[in-house]
Amino acid sequence: MKGNSLYDRTDDRFKELIGKKVQCLDKDGKKRVGVLEFAAVNNNLHHKFQVTLSRTPIWPVDPKTIKLYEN
């Protein structure tokens, strides 16, 4: 269904990072790393900003902490 994919629902600021290895900080300040599949407010579940990294949903996440992973 057009418009319903994870890519389509991802915040425009992060669409260029889909499929790339990124890092972010979770609510406890722990660095999380994985392949970005989704990044946006999840209004269907908890109304918080969520990222999905390598099939693992993580929330709440501060969008300012999302960036390409650097070794």
Protein backbone atom coordinates (compact mmCIF):
# COMPACT_ATOMS: atom_id res chain seq x y z
CA MET A 1 0.00 0.00 0.00
CA LYS A 2 1.52 3.29 -1.07
CA GLY A 3 2.23 5.69 1.77
CA ASN A 4 2.17 2.99 4.42
CA SER A 5 5.73 1.64 4.20
CA LEU A 6 8.24 2.33 6.96
CA TYR A 7 10.14 4.52 4.51
CA ASP A 8 7.04 6.58 3.71
CA ARG A 9 6.24 7.02 7.39
CA THR A 10 9.82 8.01 8.29
CA ASP A 11 10.45 11.66 9.14
CA ASP A 12 11.80 13.40 6.03
CA ARG A 13 14.92 14.47 7.95
CA PHE A 14 16.04 10.83 8.20
CA LYS A 15 14.92 9.24 4.92
CA GLU A 16 18.43 9.59 3.46
CA LEU A 17 19.73 7.41 6.33
CA ILE A 18 17.34 4.50 5.72
CA GLY A 19 19.35 1.33 5.06
CA LYS A 20 22.53 2.83 6.51
CA LYS A 21 24.27 2.04 9.80
CA VAL A 22 23.44 4.77 12.29
CA GLN A 23 23.80 5.49 15.97
CA CYS A 24 21.53 7.21 18.46
CA LEU A 25 21.05 7.52 22.19
CA ASP A 26 18.20 5.76 23.97
CA LYS A 27 16.29 7.18 26.96
CA ASP A 28 19.07 6.05 29.32
CA GLY A 29 21.80 7.70 27.26
CA LYS A 30 23.10 4.35 25.97
CA LYS A 31 24.47 4.40 22.42
CA ARG A 32 22.47 2.14 20.11
CA VAL A 33 23.80 1.12 16.68
CA GLY A 34 22.12 -0.62 13.76
CA VAL A 35 20.72 -0.31 10.26
CA LEU A 36 18.01 2.34 10.23
CA GLU A 37 14.60 1.10 9.08
CA PHE A 38 12.29 3.76 10.59
CA ALA A 39 12.60 7.09 12.41
CA ALA A 40 9.54 9.13 13.39
CA VAL A 41 6.91 9.64 16.07
CA ASN A 42 4.96 6.40 16.43
CA ASN A 43 1.41 7.69 16.80
CA ASN A 44 -0.06 4.19 16.60
CA LEU A 45 1.60 2.90 19.74
CA HIS A 46 3.12 5.39 22.19
CA HIS A 47 3.29 8.88 20.58
CA LYS A 48 7.04 9.11 21.14
CA PHE A 49 9.92 9.45 18.68
CA GLN A 50 11.03 5.96 17.73
CA VAL A 51 13.78 4.48 15.63
CA THR A 52 13.90 0.93 14.37
CA LEU A 53 17.47 -0.30 14.09
CA SER A 54 18.10 -3.74 12.59
CA ARG A 55 14.49 -4.78 13.31
CA THR A 56 14.64 -3.52 16.92
CA PRO A 57 12.28 -0.65 17.88
CA ILE A 58 13.76 1.84 20.35
CA TRP A 59 11.89 4.69 22.04
CA PRO A 60 11.93 7.37 23.20
CA VAL A 61 14.87 8.68 21.20
CA ASP A 62 15.98 12.29 20.87
CA PRO A 63 16.09 12.86 17.08
CA LYS A 64 19.09 15.17 17.55
CA THR A 65 21.20 12.12 18.51
CA ILE A 66 20.59 10.21 15.25
CA LYS A 67 23.62 10.22 12.95
CA LEU A 68 25.70 7.99 10.72
CA TYR A 69 27.69 5.45 12.70
CA GLU A 70 31.40 6.17 13.01
CA ASN A 71 33.76 3.49 14.35
